[in-house]
Amino acid sequence: MPNKKRLHLCGSIGFALASFGLIGAIVAQPLLGAVWSPSFTTALLTKPISK
């Protein structure tokens, strides 16, 4: 496979993976926002330490 074709193939695969990742992040953001809310994380991290 010549270098130009190989570069085109790798670029196409990379573009497809980036597209799926972007769309997956857009779809998953509202779902994960409800499960992993900042107030929940803050409440767990700011738990008082008993002596």
Protein backbone atom coordinates (compact mmCIF):
# COMPACT_ATOMS: atom_id res chain seq x y z
CA MET A 1 0.00 0.00 0.00
CA PRO A 2 1.60 3.31 -1.01
CA ASN A 3 2.21 5.93 1.64
CA LYS A 4 -0.49 8.26 0.31
CA LYS A 5 -3.16 5.56 0.51
CA ARG A 6 -2.00 4.48 3.95
CA LEU A 7 -2.12 8.07 5.19
CA HIS A 8 -5.62 8.47 3.76
CA LEU A 9 -6.77 5.24 5.43
CA CYS A 10 -5.30 6.21 8.83
CA GLY A 11 -6.81 9.68 8.54
CA SER A 12 -10.22 8.27 7.70
CA ILE A 13 -10.11 5.84 10.63
CA GLY A 14 -8.97 8.61 12.97
CA PHE A 15 -11.74 10.90 11.76
CA ALA A 16 -14.34 8.17 12.28
CA LEU A 17 -13.09 7.44 15.81
CA ALA A 18 -13.07 11.13 16.70
CA SER A 19 -16.61 11.51 15.35
CA PHE A 20 -17.90 8.55 17.36
CA GLY A 21 -16.16 9.86 20.47
CA LEU A 22 -17.65 13.33 20.08
CA ILE A 23 -21.16 12.04 19.48
CA GLY A 24 -20.79 9.56 22.35
CA ALA A 25 -19.73 12.36 24.69
CA ILE A 26 -22.67 14.53 23.63
CA VAL A 27 -25.10 11.65 24.19
CA ALA A 28 -23.53 10.50 27.48
CA GLN A 29 -23.21 13.96 29.07
CA PRO A 30 -26.87 14.31 30.15
CA LEU A 31 -26.94 10.70 31.35
CA LEU A 32 -23.75 10.96 33.36
CA GLY A 33 -24.65 14.41 34.68
CA ALA A 34 -27.58 12.93 36.60
CA VAL A 35 -25.53 10.07 38.01
CA TRP A 36 -22.30 11.91 38.82
CA SER A 37 -23.41 15.33 39.96
CA PRO A 38 -20.90 17.83 41.44
CA SER A 39 -22.87 18.10 44.70
CA PHE A 40 -22.61 14.34 45.22
CA THR A 41 -18.86 14.36 44.61
CA THR A 42 -18.35 17.41 46.82
CA ALA A 43 -20.38 15.84 49.62
CA LEU A 44 -18.19 12.76 49.54
CA LEU A 45 -14.91 14.68 49.43
CA THR A 46 -15.77 17.23 52.15
CA LYS A 47 -16.85 14.71 54.77
CA PRO A 48 -15.54 15.84 58.18
CA ILE A 49 -12.65 13.84 59.56
CA SER A 50 -13.29 12.60 63.09
CA LYS A 51 -10.36 12.49 65.54
